[in-house]
Amino acid sequence: MTHIRTALDKPTLHEVVSGLLHGTVDFLSQPDHPRGCLSIQGALACGENAEPVKQAMIALRKGGEEALRKRMTKAQKSGELPQDTTPPIMPASYRR
């Protein structure tokens, strides 16, 4: 899923969001790729013995959320997003 890293490096937030959406659709619509999201399905399907796998999937998702949060903060600082915008991914500490 390199499209996520590629999208987050785009110069504008519009291109970031577009890259994330299009990249995800392209990835998930390929017939040779598994259906669904491994990081969600993997965590849901884990029993007690697979707790380390579940924690790794949680950490992976949190890392992605943090990368998107940083990109949105950058967009606010550069004026791409109004300062009073509160994207849903932003934690309470960023909210006004």
N, C-alpha and C. Protein backbone atom coordinates (compact mmCIF):
# COMPACT_ATOMS: atom_id res chain seq x y z
N MET A 1 0.82 -1.18 0.00
CA MET A 1 0.00 0.00 0.00
C MET A 1 0.88 1.25 0.00
N THR A 2 1.78 1.28 -0.92
CA THR A 2 2.68 2.43 -1.05
C THR A 2 1.94 3.69 -1.49
N HIS A 3 0.72 3.53 -1.98
CA HIS A 3 -0.04 4.71 -2.41
C HIS A 3 -0.29 5.68 -1.25
N ILE A 4 -0.31 5.18 -0.04
CA ILE A 4 -0.54 6.05 1.11
C ILE A 4 0.65 6.98 1.31
N ARG A 5 1.85 6.41 1.33
CA ARG A 5 3.06 7.25 1.48
C ARG A 5 3.19 8.22 0.31
N THR A 6 2.91 7.73 -0.88
CA THR A 6 3.00 8.58 -2.08
C THR A 6 2.00 9.73 -1.98
N ALA A 7 0.77 9.43 -1.57
CA ALA A 7 -0.27 10.46 -1.47
C ALA A 7 0.10 11.50 -0.42
N LEU A 8 0.61 11.06 0.73
CA LEU A 8 0.93 11.99 1.81
C LEU A 8 2.06 12.95 1.43
N ASP A 9 2.85 12.59 0.44
CA ASP A 9 3.95 13.45 -0.01
C ASP A 9 3.54 14.45 -1.09
N LYS A 10 2.28 14.41 -1.51
CA LYS A 10 1.82 15.33 -2.55
C LYS A 10 1.87 16.77 -2.03
N PRO A 11 2.04 17.74 -2.93
CA PRO A 11 2.23 19.12 -2.50
C PRO A 11 0.99 19.82 -1.93
N THR A 12 -0.20 19.39 -2.32
CA THR A 12 -1.40 20.05 -1.80
C THR A 12 -2.29 19.02 -1.10
N LEU A 13 -3.08 19.52 -0.17
CA LEU A 13 -3.99 18.63 0.55
C LEU A 13 -5.01 18.01 -0.39
N HIS A 14 -5.45 18.76 -1.38
CA HIS A 14 -6.39 18.22 -2.37
C HIS A 14 -5.77 17.01 -3.06
N GLU A 15 -4.50 17.12 -3.44
CA GLU A 15 -3.81 15.99 -4.08
C GLU A 15 -3.60 14.83 -3.11
N VAL A 16 -3.38 15.14 -1.84
CA VAL A 16 -3.23 14.09 -0.83
C VAL A 16 -4.51 13.28 -0.74
N VAL A 17 -5.63 13.98 -0.55
CA VAL A 17 -6.92 13.29 -0.40
C VAL A 17 -7.27 12.52 -1.67
N SER A 18 -7.07 13.15 -2.81
CA SER A 18 -7.34 12.48 -4.08
C SER A 18 -6.48 11.23 -4.23
N GLY A 19 -5.20 11.35 -3.90
CA GLY A 19 -4.29 10.21 -3.99
C GLY A 19 -4.68 9.08 -3.05
N LEU A 20 -5.10 9.43 -1.84
CA LEU A 20 -5.54 8.41 -0.90
C LEU A 20 -6.78 7.68 -1.39
N LEU A 21 -7.76 8.45 -1.85
CA LEU A 21 -9.01 7.83 -2.32
C LEU A 21 -8.80 6.98 -3.57
N HIS A 22 -8.15 7.57 -4.58
CA HIS A 22 -7.94 6.83 -5.82
C HIS A 22 -7.02 5.62 -5.61
N GLY A 23 -5.97 5.81 -4.81
CA GLY A 23 -5.05 4.71 -4.55
C GLY A 23 -5.72 3.55 -3.84
N THR A 24 -6.57 3.87 -2.88
CA THR A 24 -7.28 2.83 -2.14
C THR A 24 -8.26 2.09 -3.05
N VAL A 25 -9.00 2.84 -3.84
CA VAL A 25 -9.94 2.21 -4.78
C VAL A 25 -9.19 1.31 -5.76
N ASP A 26 -8.10 1.82 -6.32
CA ASP A 26 -7.31 1.01 -7.26
C ASP A 26 -6.79 -0.25 -6.59
N PHE A 27 -6.26 -0.12 -5.38
CA PHE A 27 -5.70 -1.26 -4.66
C PHE A 27 -6.78 -2.31 -4.36
N LEU A 28 -7.89 -1.86 -3.81
CA LEU A 28 -8.94 -2.80 -3.39
C LEU A 28 -9.74 -3.38 -4.55
N SER A 29 -9.66 -2.76 -5.70
CA SER A 29 -10.44 -3.28 -6.84
C SER A 29 -9.64 -4.22 -7.73
N GLN A 30 -8.40 -4.48 -7.40
CA GLN A 30 -7.60 -5.42 -8.18
C GLN A 30 -8.04 -6.84 -7.86
N PRO A 31 -8.35 -7.65 -8.87
CA PRO A 31 -8.85 -9.00 -8.60
C PRO A 31 -7.84 -9.90 -7.89
N ASP A 32 -6.56 -9.60 -7.99
CA ASP A 32 -5.55 -10.44 -7.35
C ASP A 32 -5.23 -9.99 -5.92
N HIS A 33 -5.89 -8.95 -5.43
CA HIS A 33 -5.70 -8.51 -4.05
C HIS A 33 -6.83 -9.04 -3.19
N PRO A 34 -6.52 -9.34 -1.92
CA PRO A 34 -7.59 -9.80 -1.02
C PRO A 34 -8.65 -8.71 -0.85
N ARG A 35 -9.86 -9.12 -0.61
CA ARG A 35 -10.94 -8.16 -0.40
C ARG A 35 -10.89 -7.66 1.05
N GLY A 36 -11.15 -6.38 1.23
CA GLY A 36 -11.20 -5.80 2.56
C GLY A 36 -9.85 -5.28 3.01
N CYS A 37 -9.81 -4.83 4.24
CA CYS A 37 -8.64 -4.19 4.82
C CYS A 37 -7.99 -5.13 5.83
N LEU A 38 -6.75 -5.49 5.58
CA LEU A 38 -6.04 -6.42 6.47
C LEU A 38 -5.89 -5.85 7.87
N SER A 39 -5.61 -4.56 7.99
CA SER A 39 -5.38 -4.01 9.32
C SER A 39 -6.65 -4.02 10.17
N ILE A 40 -7.80 -3.96 9.55
CA ILE A 40 -9.04 -4.04 10.31
C ILE A 40 -9.45 -5.50 10.49
N GLN A 41 -9.48 -6.25 9.40
CA GLN A 41 -9.89 -7.65 9.48
C GLN A 41 -8.95 -8.47 10.35
N GLY A 42 -7.65 -8.20 10.24
CA GLY A 42 -6.67 -8.93 11.04
C GLY A 42 -6.88 -8.72 12.53
N ALA A 43 -7.18 -7.51 12.92
CA ALA A 43 -7.41 -7.22 14.33
C ALA A 43 -8.71 -7.82 14.82
N LEU A 44 -9.75 -7.82 13.97
CA LEU A 44 -11.04 -8.36 14.37
C LEU A 44 -11.00 -9.87 14.51
N ALA A 45 -10.21 -10.53 13.69
CA ALA A 45 -10.20 -11.99 13.65
C ALA A 45 -9.24 -12.61 14.67
N CYS A 46 -8.54 -11.79 15.40
CA CYS A 46 -7.54 -12.30 16.34
C CYS A 46 -8.16 -12.82 17.63
N GLY A 47 -7.71 -13.98 18.05
CA GLY A 47 -8.07 -14.50 19.36
C GLY A 47 -7.03 -14.05 20.36
N GLU A 48 -7.15 -14.53 21.58
CA GLU A 48 -6.22 -14.15 22.65
C GLU A 48 -4.77 -14.48 22.31
N ASN A 49 -4.55 -15.60 21.63
CA ASN A 49 -3.18 -16.02 21.32
C ASN A 49 -2.51 -15.11 20.30
N ALA A 50 -3.30 -14.35 19.58
CA ALA A 50 -2.75 -13.49 18.55
C ALA A 50 -2.75 -12.02 18.97
N GLU A 51 -2.74 -11.76 20.25
CA GLU A 51 -2.75 -10.39 20.75
C GLU A 51 -1.62 -9.55 20.16
N PRO A 52 -0.40 -10.10 19.99
CA PRO A 52 0.66 -9.29 19.37
C PRO A 52 0.31 -8.83 17.95
N VAL A 53 -0.39 -9.68 17.20
CA VAL A 53 -0.81 -9.30 15.85
C VAL A 53 -1.83 -8.17 15.94
N LYS A 54 -2.77 -8.31 16.84
CA LYS A 54 -3.77 -7.27 17.03
C LYS A 54 -3.10 -5.94 17.39
N GLN A 55 -2.15 -5.97 18.30
CA GLN A 55 -1.47 -4.74 18.71
C GLN A 55 -0.66 -4.14 17.56
N ALA A 56 -0.07 -4.99 16.74
CA ALA A 56 0.68 -4.50 15.57
C ALA A 56 -0.26 -3.82 14.58
N MET A 57 -1.45 -4.37 14.38
CA MET A 57 -2.42 -3.76 13.47
C MET A 57 -2.91 -2.42 14.02
N ILE A 58 -3.11 -2.36 15.34
CA ILE A 58 -3.53 -1.10 15.97
C ILE A 58 -2.43 -0.05 15.80
N ALA A 59 -1.18 -0.45 16.02
CA ALA A 59 -0.06 0.49 15.86
C ALA A 59 0.06 0.97 14.42
N LEU A 60 -0.17 0.09 13.47
CA LEU A 60 -0.11 0.46 12.06
C LEU A 60 -1.18 1.51 11.74
N ARG A 61 -2.40 1.28 12.20
CA ARG A 61 -3.47 2.24 11.97
C ARG A 61 -3.18 3.58 12.65
N LYS A 62 -2.68 3.53 13.87
CA LYS A 62 -2.35 4.77 14.58
C LYS A 62 -1.25 5.54 13.86
N GLY A 63 -0.29 4.82 13.30
CA GLY A 63 0.78 5.47 12.54
C GLY A 63 0.23 6.18 11.32
N GLY A 64 -0.71 5.55 10.64
CA GLY A 64 -1.34 6.18 9.48
C GLY A 64 -2.15 7.40 9.87
N GLU A 65 -2.87 7.30 10.98
CA GLU A 65 -3.64 8.44 11.46
C GLU A 65 -2.72 9.60 11.83
N GLU A 66 -1.60 9.29 12.47
CA GLU A 66 -0.65 10.33 12.87
C GLU A 66 -0.05 11.01 11.64
N ALA A 67 0.28 10.24 10.61
CA ALA A 67 0.83 10.82 9.38
C ALA A 67 -0.19 11.75 8.73
N LEU A 68 -1.45 11.35 8.69
CA LEU A 68 -2.49 12.20 8.11
C LEU A 68 -2.73 13.44 8.98
N ARG A 69 -2.68 13.27 10.27
CA ARG A 69 -2.84 14.39 11.20
C ARG A 69 -1.74 15.43 10.95
N LYS A 70 -0.50 14.96 10.81
CA LYS A 70 0.62 15.87 10.56
C LYS A 70 0.43 16.61 9.24
N ARG A 71 -0.05 15.90 8.23
CA ARG A 71 -0.25 16.53 6.92
C ARG A 71 -1.36 17.57 6.99
N MET A 72 -2.40 17.30 7.75
CA MET A 72 -3.48 18.28 7.90
C MET A 72 -3.00 19.50 8.69
N THR A 73 -2.17 19.27 9.69
CA THR A 73 -1.60 20.39 10.44
C THR A 73 -0.74 21.25 9.52
N LYS A 74 0.03 20.61 8.67
CA LYS A 74 0.84 21.34 7.70
C LYS A 74 -0.05 22.16 6.77
N ALA A 75 -1.18 21.57 6.36
CA ALA A 75 -2.11 22.28 5.49
C ALA A 75 -2.72 23.49 6.19
N GLN A 76 -2.99 23.36 7.47
CA GLN A 76 -3.51 24.51 8.22
C GLN A 76 -2.46 25.60 8.32
N LYS A 77 -1.23 25.23 8.62
CA LYS A 77 -0.16 26.21 8.77
C LYS A 77 0.13 26.94 7.46
N SER A 78 -0.03 26.24 6.34
CA SER A 78 0.25 26.85 5.05
C SER A 78 -0.94 27.62 4.49
N GLY A 79 -2.08 27.53 5.15
CA GLY A 79 -3.27 28.24 4.70
C GLY A 79 -4.17 27.45 3.78
N GLU A 80 -3.82 26.19 3.50
CA GLU A 80 -4.69 25.35 2.66
C GLU A 80 -6.01 25.06 3.36
N LEU A 81 -5.96 24.94 4.66
CA LEU A 81 -7.17 24.74 5.47
C LEU A 81 -7.32 25.97 6.36
N PRO A 82 -8.53 26.46 6.50
CA PRO A 82 -8.73 27.58 7.42
C PRO A 82 -8.30 27.20 8.84
N GLN A 83 -7.83 28.17 9.57
CA GLN A 83 -7.37 27.91 10.93
C GLN A 83 -8.47 27.38 11.84
N ASP A 84 -9.72 27.73 11.54
CA ASP A 84 -10.82 27.27 12.39
C ASP A 84 -11.38 25.91 11.97
N THR A 85 -10.77 25.30 10.96
CA THR A 85 -11.19 23.98 10.53
C THR A 85 -10.74 22.94 11.54
N THR A 86 -11.62 22.00 11.83
CA THR A 86 -11.27 20.91 12.74
C THR A 86 -11.54 19.59 12.03
N PRO A 87 -10.55 19.11 11.27
CA PRO A 87 -10.75 17.82 10.60
C PRO A 87 -11.02 16.71 11.62
N PRO A 88 -11.86 15.77 11.29
CA PRO A 88 -12.20 14.69 12.22
C PRO A 88 -10.98 13.92 12.73
N ILE A 89 -9.92 13.85 11.95
CA ILE A 89 -8.74 13.08 12.35
C ILE A 89 -7.92 13.82 13.41
N MET A 90 -8.19 15.12 13.59
CA MET A 90 -7.41 15.91 14.52
C MET A 90 -7.80 15.57 15.96
N PRO A 91 -6.83 15.36 16.84
CA PRO A 91 -7.15 15.05 18.24
C PRO A 91 -7.66 16.31 18.96
N ALA A 92 -8.24 16.10 20.10
CA ALA A 92 -8.82 17.20 20.86
C ALA A 92 -7.79 18.29 21.16
N SER A 93 -6.54 17.93 21.33
CA SER A 93 -5.51 18.91 21.66
C SER A 93 -5.29 19.91 20.51
N TYR A 94 -5.65 19.54 19.28
CA TYR A 94 -5.52 20.42 18.13
C TYR A 94 -6.77 21.26 17.94
N ARG A 95 -7.88 20.81 18.50
CA ARG A 95 -9.15 21.46 18.25
C ARG A 95 -9.28 22.75 19.04
N ARG A 96 -10.04 23.65 18.47
CA ARG A 96 -10.23 24.95 19.15
C ARG A 96 -11.57 25.01 19.80
